[in-house]
């Protein structure tokens, strides 16, 4: 089973990233392999933060972590 988290963090040397507006999203190779080319981060009041890829909901009830 794979666990997904959303966290405030600094990029590491081997991380990849994409900037959307003023937000920098950092991810590693393993995350890219598991998630694929598309991920949506959404907020649903009854479920909290959700991560969804093109095929399924990856995680819900996520809270933003600070590392």
PDB file of N, CA and C in Angstrom:
ATOM      1  N   UNK A   1       0.849  -1.179   0.000  1.00  0.00           N
ATOM      2  CA  UNK A   1       0.000   0.000   0.000  1.00  0.00           C
ATOM      3  C   UNK A   1       0.895   1.243   0.000  1.00  0.00           C
ATOM      4  N   UNK A   2       0.503   2.227  -0.748  1.00  0.00           N
ATOM      5  CA  UNK A   2       1.248   3.479  -0.862  1.00  0.00           C
ATOM      6  C   UNK A   2       0.515   4.545  -0.049  1.00  0.00           C
ATOM      7  N   UNK A   3       1.267   5.327   0.713  1.00  0.00           N
ATOM      8  CA  UNK A   3       0.700   6.434   1.476  1.00  0.00           C
ATOM      9  C   UNK A   3       1.107   7.741   0.813  1.00  0.00           C
ATOM     10  N   UNK A   4       0.179   8.673   0.744  1.00  0.00           N
ATOM     11  CA  UNK A   4       0.432   9.979   0.139  1.00  0.00           C
ATOM     12  C   UNK A   4       0.309  11.052   1.206  1.00  0.00           C
ATOM     13  N   UNK A   5       1.191  12.039   1.138  1.00  0.00           N
ATOM     14  CA  UNK A   5       1.154  13.172   2.055  1.00  0.00           C
ATOM     15  C   UNK A   5       1.333  14.455   1.263  1.00  0.00           C
ATOM     16  N   UNK A   6       0.803  15.525   1.796  1.00  0.00           N
ATOM     17  CA  UNK A   6       1.068  16.867   1.301  1.00  0.00           C
ATOM     18  C   UNK A   6       1.828  17.576   2.399  1.00  0.00           C
ATOM     19  N   UNK A   7       2.997  18.131   2.075  1.00  0.00           N
ATOM     20  CA  UNK A   7       3.835  18.720   3.114  1.00  0.00           C
ATOM     21  C   UNK A   7       4.540  19.966   2.608  1.00  0.00           C
ATOM     22  N   UNK A   8       4.814  20.865   3.530  1.00  0.00           N
ATOM     23  CA  UNK A   8       5.669  22.014   3.242  1.00  0.00           C
ATOM     24  C   UNK A   8       7.101  21.528   3.407  1.00  0.00           C
ATOM     25  N   UNK A   9       7.908  21.646   2.366  1.00  0.00           N
ATOM     26  CA  UNK A   9       9.254  21.095   2.398  1.00  0.00           C
ATOM     27  C   UNK A   9      10.134  21.881   1.443  1.00  0.00           C
ATOM     28  N   UNK A  10      11.411  21.629   1.509  1.00  0.00           N
ATOM     29  CA  UNK A  10      12.390  22.216   0.603  1.00  0.00           C
ATOM     30  C   UNK A  10      12.816  21.144  -0.410  1.00  0.00           C
ATOM     31  N   UNK A  11      13.119  21.542  -1.654  1.00  0.00           N
ATOM     32  CA  UNK A  11      13.540  20.545  -2.646  1.00  0.00           C
ATOM     33  C   UNK A  11      14.888  19.928  -2.285  1.00  0.00           C
ATOM     34  N   UNK A  12      15.002  18.654  -2.587  1.00  0.00           N
ATOM     35  CA  UNK A  12      16.270  17.947  -2.432  1.00  0.00           C
ATOM     36  C   UNK A  12      16.906  17.819  -3.811  1.00  0.00           C
ATOM     37  N   UNK A  13      18.155  17.432  -3.844  1.00  0.00           N
ATOM     38  CA  UNK A  13      18.911  17.398  -5.102  1.00  0.00           C
ATOM     39  C   UNK A  13      18.254  16.516  -6.164  1.00  0.00           C
ATOM     40  N   UNK A  14      17.689  15.385  -5.776  1.00  0.00           N
ATOM     41  CA  UNK A  14      17.117  14.446  -6.748  1.00  0.00           C
ATOM     42  C   UNK A  14      15.635  14.680  -7.031  1.00  0.00           C
ATOM     43  N   UNK A  15      15.026  15.681  -6.417  1.00  0.00           N
ATOM     44  CA  UNK A  15      13.602  15.947  -6.617  1.00  0.00           C
ATOM     45  C   UNK A  15      13.345  16.627  -7.955  1.00  0.00           C
ATOM     46  N   UNK A  16      12.160  16.374  -8.471  1.00  0.00           N
ATOM     47  CA  UNK A  16      11.661  17.120  -9.621  1.00  0.00           C
ATOM     48  C   UNK A  16      10.666  18.151  -9.096  1.00  0.00           C
ATOM     49  N   UNK A  17      10.343  19.127  -9.914  1.00  0.00           N
ATOM     50  CA  UNK A  17       9.380  20.131  -9.462  1.00  0.00           C
ATOM     51  C   UNK A  17       8.669  20.758 -10.649  1.00  0.00           C
ATOM     52  N   UNK A  18       7.540  21.366 -10.346  1.00  0.00           N
ATOM     53  CA  UNK A  18       6.790  22.151 -11.309  1.00  0.00           C
ATOM     54  C   UNK A  18       6.225  23.350 -10.545  1.00  0.00           C
ATOM     55  N   UNK A  19       6.262  24.510 -11.176  1.00  0.00           N
ATOM     56  CA  UNK A  19       5.713  25.710 -10.560  1.00  0.00           C
ATOM     57  C   UNK A  19       4.413  26.069 -11.261  1.00  0.00           C
ATOM     58  N   UNK A  20       3.362  26.242 -10.473  1.00  0.00           N
ATOM     59  CA  UNK A  20       2.057  26.637 -10.982  1.00  0.00           C
ATOM     60  C   UNK A  20       1.663  27.887 -10.211  1.00  0.00           C
ATOM     61  N   UNK A  21       1.484  28.975 -10.944  1.00  0.00           N
ATOM     62  CA  UNK A  21       1.283  30.286 -10.334  1.00  0.00           C
ATOM     63  C   UNK A  21       2.444  30.535  -9.373  1.00  0.00           C
ATOM     64  N   UNK A  22       2.163  30.782  -8.115  1.00  0.00           N
ATOM     65  CA  UNK A  22       3.239  31.033  -7.146  1.00  0.00           C
ATOM     66  C   UNK A  22       3.538  29.818  -6.278  1.00  0.00           C
ATOM     67  N   UNK A  23       3.031  28.658  -6.651  1.00  0.00           N
ATOM     68  CA  UNK A  23       3.222  27.450  -5.861  1.00  0.00           C
ATOM     69  C   UNK A  23       4.247  26.541  -6.527  1.00  0.00           C
ATOM     70  N   UNK A  24       5.220  26.097  -5.755  1.00  0.00           N
ATOM     71  CA  UNK A  24       6.221  25.145  -6.228  1.00  0.00           C
ATOM     72  C   UNK A  24       5.861  23.774  -5.687  1.00  0.00           C
ATOM     73  N   UNK A  25       5.581  22.828  -6.574  1.00  0.00           N
ATOM     74  CA  UNK A  25       5.256  21.460  -6.199  1.00  0.00           C
ATOM     75  C   UNK A  25       6.496  20.600  -6.400  1.00  0.00           C
ATOM     76  N   UNK A  26       6.896  19.911  -5.352  1.00  0.00           N
ATOM     77  CA  UNK A  26       8.106  19.096  -5.353  1.00  0.00           C
ATOM     78  C   UNK A  26       7.692  17.629  -5.264  1.00  0.00           C
ATOM     79  N   UNK A  27       8.332  16.783  -6.057  1.00  0.00           N
ATOM     80  CA  UNK A  27       8.015  15.353  -6.008  1.00  0.00           C
ATOM     81  C   UNK A  27       9.249  14.566  -6.388  1.00  0.00           C
ATOM     82  N   UNK A  28       9.286  13.319  -5.930  1.00  0.00           N
ATOM     83  CA  UNK A  28      10.424  12.470  -6.263  1.00  0.00           C
ATOM     84  C   UNK A  28      10.029  11.480  -7.362  1.00  0.00           C
ATOM     85  N   UNK A  29      10.990  10.713  -7.826  1.00  0.00           N
ATOM     86  CA  UNK A  29      10.757   9.783  -8.931  1.00  0.00           C
ATOM     87  C   UNK A  29       9.700   8.738  -8.580  1.00  0.00           C
ATOM     88  N   UNK A  30       9.706   8.242  -7.352  1.00  0.00           N
ATOM     89  CA  UNK A  30       8.730   7.233  -6.924  1.00  0.00           C
ATOM     90  C   UNK A  30       7.314   7.794  -6.996  1.00  0.00           C
ATOM     91  N   UNK A  31       7.125   9.017  -6.558  1.00  0.00           N
ATOM     92  CA  UNK A  31       5.801   9.638  -6.620  1.00  0.00           C
ATOM     93  C   UNK A  31       5.345   9.777  -8.065  1.00  0.00           C
ATOM     94  N   UNK A  32       6.242  10.178  -8.938  1.00  0.00           N
ATOM     95  CA  UNK A  32       5.915  10.330 -10.348  1.00  0.00           C
ATOM     96  C   UNK A  32       5.486   8.997 -10.957  1.00  0.00           C
ATOM     97  N   UNK A  33       6.177   7.930 -10.608  1.00  0.00           N
ATOM     98  CA  UNK A  33       5.823   6.594 -11.113  1.00  0.00           C
ATOM     99  C   UNK A  33       4.448   6.153 -10.613  1.00  0.00           C
ATOM    100  N   UNK A  34       4.161   6.396  -9.361  1.00  0.00           N
ATOM    101  CA  UNK A  34       2.901   5.953  -8.761  1.00  0.00           C
ATOM    102  C   UNK A  34       1.706   6.793  -9.210  1.00  0.00           C
ATOM    103  N   UNK A  35       1.899   8.102  -9.300  1.00  0.00           N
ATOM    104  CA  UNK A  35       0.788   9.012  -9.581  1.00  0.00           C
ATOM    105  C   UNK A  35       0.522   9.138 -11.075  1.00  0.00           C
ATOM    106  N   UNK A  36       1.564   9.214 -11.877  1.00  0.00           N
ATOM    107  CA  UNK A  36       1.403   9.420 -13.312  1.00  0.00           C
ATOM    108  C   UNK A  36       1.588  10.881 -13.677  1.00  0.00           C
ATOM    109  N   UNK A  37       1.137  11.242 -14.852  1.00  0.00           N
ATOM    110  CA  UNK A  37       1.376  12.579 -15.395  1.00  0.00           C
ATOM    111  C   UNK A  37       0.371  13.624 -14.910  1.00  0.00           C
ATOM    112  N   UNK A  38      -0.687  13.206 -14.223  1.00  0.00           N
ATOM    113  CA  UNK A  38      -1.745  14.133 -13.811  1.00  0.00           C
ATOM    114  C   UNK A  38      -2.086  13.901 -12.344  1.00  0.00           C
ATOM    115  N   UNK A  39      -2.164  14.972 -11.591  1.00  0.00           N
ATOM    116  CA  UNK A  39      -2.681  14.900 -10.220  1.00  0.00           C
ATOM    117  C   UNK A  39      -3.473  16.173  -9.945  1.00  0.00           C
ATOM    118  N   UNK A  40      -4.597  15.990  -9.294  1.00  0.00           N
ATOM    119  CA  UNK A  40      -5.434  17.114  -8.891  1.00  0.00           C
ATOM    120  C   UNK A  40      -5.485  17.111  -7.366  1.00  0.00           C
ATOM    121  N   UNK A  41      -5.274  18.273  -6.776  1.00  0.00           N
ATOM    122  CA  UNK A  41      -5.411  18.434  -5.336  1.00  0.00           C
ATOM    123  C   UNK A  41      -6.658  19.275  -5.123  1.00  0.00           C
ATOM    124  N   UNK A  42      -7.602  18.734  -4.396  1.00  0.00           N
ATOM    125  CA  UNK A  42      -8.902  19.365  -4.246  1.00  0.00           C
ATOM    126  C   UNK A  42      -9.268  19.399  -2.767  1.00  0.00           C
ATOM    127  N   UNK A  43     -10.140  20.324  -2.405  1.00  0.00           N
ATOM    128  CA  UNK A  43     -10.653  20.378  -1.042  1.00  0.00           C
ATOM    129  C   UNK A  43     -12.140  20.134  -1.072  1.00  0.00           C
ATOM    130  N   UNK A  44     -12.582  19.156  -0.303  1.00  0.00           N
ATOM    131  CA  UNK A  44     -13.997  18.840  -0.148  1.00  0.00           C
ATOM    132  C   UNK A  44     -14.298  18.972   1.343  1.00  0.00           C
ATOM    133  N   UNK A  45     -15.236  19.848   1.726  1.00  0.00           N
ATOM    134  CA  UNK A  45     -15.468  20.083   3.149  1.00  0.00           C
ATOM    135  C   UNK A  45     -15.668  18.802   3.970  1.00  0.00           C
ATOM    136  N   UNK A  46     -16.359  17.825   3.434  1.00  0.00           N
ATOM    137  CA  UNK A  46     -16.616  16.598   4.200  1.00  0.00           C
ATOM    138  C   UNK A  46     -15.438  15.627   4.193  1.00  0.00           C
ATOM    139  N   UNK A  47     -14.441  15.844   3.315  1.00  0.00           N
ATOM    140  CA  UNK A  47     -13.329  14.904   3.184  1.00  0.00           C
ATOM    141  C   UNK A  47     -11.961  15.546   3.355  1.00  0.00           C
ATOM    142  N   UNK A  48     -11.878  16.835   3.462  1.00  0.00           N
ATOM    143  CA  UNK A  48     -10.588  17.505   3.555  1.00  0.00           C
ATOM    144  C   UNK A  48      -9.902  17.555   2.202  1.00  0.00           C
ATOM    145  N   UNK A  49      -8.566  17.589   2.224  1.00  0.00           N
ATOM    146  CA  UNK A  49      -7.797  17.619   0.980  1.00  0.00           C
ATOM    147  C   UNK A  49      -7.791  16.245   0.329  1.00  0.00           C
ATOM    148  N   UNK A  50      -7.979  16.228  -0.984  1.00  0.00           N
ATOM    149  CA  UNK A  50      -7.980  14.981  -1.745  1.00  0.00           C
ATOM    150  C   UNK A  50      -6.932  15.056  -2.843  1.00  0.00           C
ATOM    151  N   UNK A  51      -6.310  13.922  -3.133  1.00  0.00           N
ATOM    152  CA  UNK A  51      -5.408  13.796  -4.284  1.00  0.00           C
ATOM    153  C   UNK A  51      -6.044  12.814  -5.245  1.00  0.00           C
ATOM    154  N   UNK A  52      -6.185  13.246  -6.503  1.00  0.00           N
ATOM    155  CA  UNK A  52      -6.846  12.435  -7.518  1.00  0.00           C
ATOM    156  C   UNK A  52      -5.940  12.385  -8.735  1.00  0.00           C
ATOM    157  N   UNK A  53      -5.713  11.195  -9.281  1.00  0.00           N
ATOM    158  CA  UNK A  53      -5.001  11.136 -10.560  1.00  0.00           C
ATOM    159  C   UNK A  53      -6.013  10.837 -11.659  1.00  0.00           C
ATOM    160  N   UNK A  54      -5.557  10.540 -12.849  1.00  0.00           N
ATOM    161  CA  UNK A  54      -6.461  10.336 -13.981  1.00  0.00           C
ATOM    162  C   UNK A  54      -7.359   9.113 -13.795  1.00  0.00           C
ATOM    163  N   UNK A  55      -6.969   8.182 -12.935  1.00  0.00           N
ATOM    164  CA  UNK A  55      -7.706   6.929 -12.798  1.00  0.00           C
ATOM    165  C   UNK A  55      -8.504   6.772 -11.520  1.00  0.00           C
ATOM    166  N   UNK A  56      -8.092   7.460 -10.442  1.00  0.00           N
ATOM    167  CA  UNK A  56      -8.721   7.179  -9.156  1.00  0.00           C
ATOM    168  C   UNK A  56      -8.412   8.254  -8.118  1.00  0.00           C
ATOM    169  N   UNK A  57      -9.140   8.194  -7.003  1.00  0.00           N
ATOM    170  CA  UNK A  57      -8.783   9.005  -5.845  1.00  0.00           C
ATOM    171  C   UNK A  57      -7.635   8.306  -5.137  1.00  0.00           C
ATOM    172  N   UNK A  58      -6.518   8.991  -4.996  1.00  0.00           N
ATOM    173  CA  UNK A  58      -5.340   8.412  -4.363  1.00  0.00           C
ATOM    174  C   UNK A  58      -5.410   8.500  -2.850  1.00  0.00           C
ATOM    175  N   UNK A  59      -5.919   9.607  -2.329  1.00  0.00           N
ATOM    176  CA  UNK A  59      -5.989   9.810  -0.888  1.00  0.00           C
ATOM    177  C   UNK A  59      -6.993  10.912  -0.588  1.00  0.00           C
ATOM    178  N   UNK A  60      -7.605  10.823   0.568  1.00  0.00           N
ATOM    179  CA  UNK A  60      -8.488  11.882   1.029  1.00  0.00           C
ATOM    180  C   UNK A  60      -8.289  12.053   2.526  1.00  0.00           C
ATOM    181  N   UNK A  61      -8.876  13.078   3.075  1.00  0.00           N
ATOM    182  CA  UNK A  61      -8.698  13.445   4.483  1.00  0.00           C
ATOM    183  C   UNK A  61      -7.240  13.777   4.784  1.00  0.00           C
ATOM    184  N   UNK A  62      -6.547  14.344   3.800  1.00  0.00           N
ATOM    185  CA  UNK A  62      -5.152  14.738   3.981  1.00  0.00           C
ATOM    186  C   UNK A  62      -5.081  16.064   4.723  1.00  0.00           C
ATOM    187  N   UNK A  63      -4.072  16.207   5.537  1.00  0.00           N
ATOM    188  CA  UNK A  63      -3.777  17.466   6.183  1.00  0.00           C
ATOM    189  C   UNK A  63      -2.394  17.891   5.733  1.00  0.00           C
ATOM    190  N   UNK A  64      -2.179  19.175   5.577  1.00  0.00           N
ATOM    191  CA  UNK A  64      -0.885  19.694   5.175  1.00  0.00           C
ATOM    192  C   UNK A  64       0.092  19.544   6.323  1.00  0.00           C
ATOM    193  N   UNK A  65       1.205  18.863   6.062  1.00  0.00           N
ATOM    194  CA  UNK A  65       2.221  18.623   7.087  1.00  0.00           C
ATOM    195  C   UNK A  65       3.380  19.580   6.918  1.00  0.00           C
ATOM    196  N   UNK A  66       4.094  19.812   7.989  1.00  0.00           N
ATOM    197  CA  UNK A  66       5.323  20.577   7.951  1.00  0.00           C
ATOM    198  C   UNK A  66       6.462  19.633   8.312  1.00  0.00           C
ATOM    199  N   UNK A  67       7.436  19.520   7.424  1.00  0.00           N
ATOM    200  CA  UNK A  67       8.560  18.618   7.681  1.00  0.00           C
ATOM    201  C   UNK A  67       9.708  19.355   8.311  1.00  0.00           C
TER     202      UNK A  67
END
